[in-house]
């Protein structure tokens, strides 16, 4: 069984870094970054589910 401590630590570090960087961005850039992240998340999720018959959106 693999340990999930390392991914949890990386996730927490990423949240802190992205949160710090987003305080420096204006609203337009903030929503653009969130939109791109949402699209990439859906693309990667569709690749991770091998037997998906319909898209997730």
N, C-alpha and C. Protein backbone atom coordinates (compact mmCIF):
# COMPACT_ATOMS: atom_id res chain seq x y z
N UNK A 1 0.84 -1.18 0.00
CA UNK A 1 0.00 0.00 0.00
C UNK A 1 0.89 1.25 0.00
N UNK A 2 0.55 2.19 -0.87
CA UNK A 2 1.35 3.41 -0.96
C UNK A 2 0.89 4.44 0.08
N UNK A 3 1.85 5.25 0.47
CA UNK A 3 1.53 6.32 1.41
C UNK A 3 0.98 7.52 0.65
N UNK A 4 -0.03 8.15 1.19
CA UNK A 4 -0.60 9.32 0.54
C UNK A 4 -0.16 10.62 1.21
N UNK A 5 0.88 10.56 2.02
CA UNK A 5 1.34 11.75 2.72
C UNK A 5 1.99 12.74 1.75
N UNK A 6 2.80 12.25 0.81
CA UNK A 6 3.50 13.16 -0.10
C UNK A 6 2.53 13.94 -1.00
N UNK A 7 1.55 13.29 -1.65
CA UNK A 7 0.61 14.08 -2.46
C UNK A 7 -0.18 15.08 -1.64
N UNK A 8 -0.50 14.75 -0.40
CA UNK A 8 -1.25 15.68 0.46
C UNK A 8 -0.40 16.90 0.78
N UNK A 9 0.89 16.69 1.04
CA UNK A 9 1.79 17.80 1.32
C UNK A 9 1.96 18.68 0.09
N UNK A 10 2.10 18.07 -1.07
CA UNK A 10 2.25 18.83 -2.32
C UNK A 10 0.97 19.62 -2.60
N UNK A 11 -0.18 19.01 -2.38
CA UNK A 11 -1.44 19.71 -2.60
C UNK A 11 -1.57 20.93 -1.68
N UNK A 12 -1.23 20.76 -0.42
CA UNK A 12 -1.30 21.89 0.52
C UNK A 12 -0.33 23.00 0.12
N UNK A 13 0.87 22.63 -0.31
CA UNK A 13 1.84 23.63 -0.75
C UNK A 13 1.34 24.36 -2.00
N UNK A 14 0.73 23.63 -2.92
CA UNK A 14 0.20 24.25 -4.14
C UNK A 14 -0.93 25.22 -3.80
N UNK A 15 -1.78 24.86 -2.85
CA UNK A 15 -2.87 25.75 -2.45
C UNK A 15 -2.32 27.04 -1.86
N UNK A 16 -1.30 26.95 -1.04
CA UNK A 16 -0.71 28.14 -0.43
C UNK A 16 -0.06 29.02 -1.50
N UNK A 17 0.68 28.42 -2.43
CA UNK A 17 1.36 29.19 -3.47
C UNK A 17 0.35 29.86 -4.40
N UNK A 18 -0.65 29.12 -4.85
CA UNK A 18 -1.65 29.69 -5.75
C UNK A 18 -2.46 30.77 -5.03
N UNK A 19 -2.77 30.55 -3.78
CA UNK A 19 -3.49 31.58 -3.02
C UNK A 19 -2.68 32.86 -2.89
N UNK A 20 -1.40 32.72 -2.64
CA UNK A 20 -0.54 33.89 -2.55
C UNK A 20 -0.41 34.63 -3.87
N UNK A 21 -0.31 33.88 -4.95
CA UNK A 21 -0.18 34.52 -6.27
C UNK A 21 -1.49 35.16 -6.71
N UNK A 22 -2.61 34.57 -6.33
CA UNK A 22 -3.89 35.13 -6.77
C UNK A 22 -4.22 36.45 -6.08
N UNK A 23 -3.58 36.73 -4.95
CA UNK A 23 -3.83 38.02 -4.32
C UNK A 23 -3.21 39.16 -5.11
N UNK A 24 -2.23 38.84 -5.95
CA UNK A 24 -1.57 39.86 -6.76
C UNK A 24 -2.25 40.07 -8.12
N UNK A 25 -3.19 39.22 -8.49
CA UNK A 25 -3.84 39.28 -9.80
C UNK A 25 -5.10 40.14 -9.73
N UNK A 26 -5.47 40.72 -10.86
CA UNK A 26 -6.73 41.46 -10.91
C UNK A 26 -7.86 40.47 -11.18
N UNK A 27 -9.12 40.93 -11.13
CA UNK A 27 -10.27 40.05 -11.24
C UNK A 27 -10.33 39.33 -12.58
N UNK A 28 -10.01 40.04 -13.65
CA UNK A 28 -10.08 39.43 -14.98
C UNK A 28 -9.09 38.27 -15.09
N UNK A 29 -7.87 38.47 -14.63
CA UNK A 29 -6.86 37.42 -14.66
C UNK A 29 -7.25 36.27 -13.73
N UNK A 30 -7.81 36.59 -12.59
CA UNK A 30 -8.22 35.57 -11.63
C UNK A 30 -9.26 34.63 -12.23
N UNK A 31 -10.30 35.20 -12.86
CA UNK A 31 -11.34 34.36 -13.45
C UNK A 31 -10.82 33.62 -14.68
N UNK A 32 -9.92 34.21 -15.42
CA UNK A 32 -9.32 33.52 -16.57
C UNK A 32 -8.52 32.30 -16.10
N UNK A 33 -7.73 32.48 -15.05
CA UNK A 33 -6.95 31.35 -14.53
C UNK A 33 -7.86 30.25 -14.01
N UNK A 34 -8.95 30.61 -13.33
CA UNK A 34 -9.88 29.60 -12.82
C UNK A 34 -10.60 28.88 -13.95
N UNK A 35 -10.92 29.60 -15.01
CA UNK A 35 -11.56 28.96 -16.16
C UNK A 35 -10.65 27.97 -16.85
N UNK A 36 -9.39 28.36 -17.02
CA UNK A 36 -8.41 27.45 -17.63
C UNK A 36 -8.20 26.23 -16.75
N UNK A 37 -8.12 26.44 -15.45
CA UNK A 37 -7.94 25.32 -14.52
C UNK A 37 -9.14 24.37 -14.58
N UNK A 38 -10.34 24.90 -14.68
CA UNK A 38 -11.54 24.05 -14.75
C UNK A 38 -11.54 23.23 -16.03
N UNK A 39 -11.17 23.84 -17.16
CA UNK A 39 -11.13 23.12 -18.43
C UNK A 39 -10.08 22.03 -18.39
N UNK A 40 -8.90 22.34 -17.87
CA UNK A 40 -7.85 21.32 -17.77
C UNK A 40 -8.25 20.19 -16.83
N UNK A 41 -8.92 20.52 -15.75
CA UNK A 41 -9.38 19.50 -14.82
C UNK A 41 -10.35 18.55 -15.50
N UNK A 42 -11.28 19.08 -16.28
CA UNK A 42 -12.24 18.22 -16.98
C UNK A 42 -11.55 17.35 -18.03
N UNK A 43 -10.56 17.90 -18.73
CA UNK A 43 -9.82 17.12 -19.73
C UNK A 43 -9.05 15.99 -19.06
N UNK A 44 -8.35 16.28 -17.99
CA UNK A 44 -7.58 15.24 -17.30
C UNK A 44 -8.51 14.21 -16.65
N UNK A 45 -9.64 14.64 -16.15
CA UNK A 45 -10.59 13.70 -15.55
C UNK A 45 -11.15 12.76 -16.61
N UNK A 46 -11.40 13.27 -17.82
CA UNK A 46 -11.92 12.39 -18.87
C UNK A 46 -10.86 11.39 -19.31
N UNK A 47 -9.59 11.74 -19.20
CA UNK A 47 -8.53 10.79 -19.51
C UNK A 47 -8.36 9.74 -18.41
N UNK A 48 -8.69 10.11 -17.18
CA UNK A 48 -8.50 9.21 -16.04
C UNK A 48 -9.62 8.18 -15.93
N UNK A 49 -10.76 8.45 -16.56
CA UNK A 49 -11.88 7.52 -16.52
C UNK A 49 -11.91 6.78 -17.85
N UNK A 50 -11.40 5.56 -17.90
CA UNK A 50 -11.23 4.89 -19.19
C UNK A 50 -12.52 4.43 -19.86
N UNK A 51 -13.56 4.10 -19.10
CA UNK A 51 -14.78 3.56 -19.68
C UNK A 51 -15.93 4.56 -19.71
N UNK A 52 -15.62 5.83 -19.75
CA UNK A 52 -16.66 6.84 -19.74
C UNK A 52 -17.39 6.82 -21.09
N UNK A 53 -18.71 6.68 -21.04
CA UNK A 53 -19.52 6.66 -22.25
C UNK A 53 -19.93 8.07 -22.66
N UNK A 54 -20.08 8.96 -21.69
CA UNK A 54 -20.48 10.33 -21.96
C UNK A 54 -19.47 11.29 -21.34
N UNK A 55 -19.32 12.47 -21.91
CA UNK A 55 -18.41 13.45 -21.30
C UNK A 55 -18.93 13.91 -19.95
N UNK A 56 -18.03 14.39 -19.12
CA UNK A 56 -18.40 14.81 -17.76
C UNK A 56 -19.16 16.11 -17.72
N UNK A 57 -19.07 16.88 -18.78
CA UNK A 57 -19.75 18.19 -18.81
C UNK A 57 -21.16 18.04 -19.32
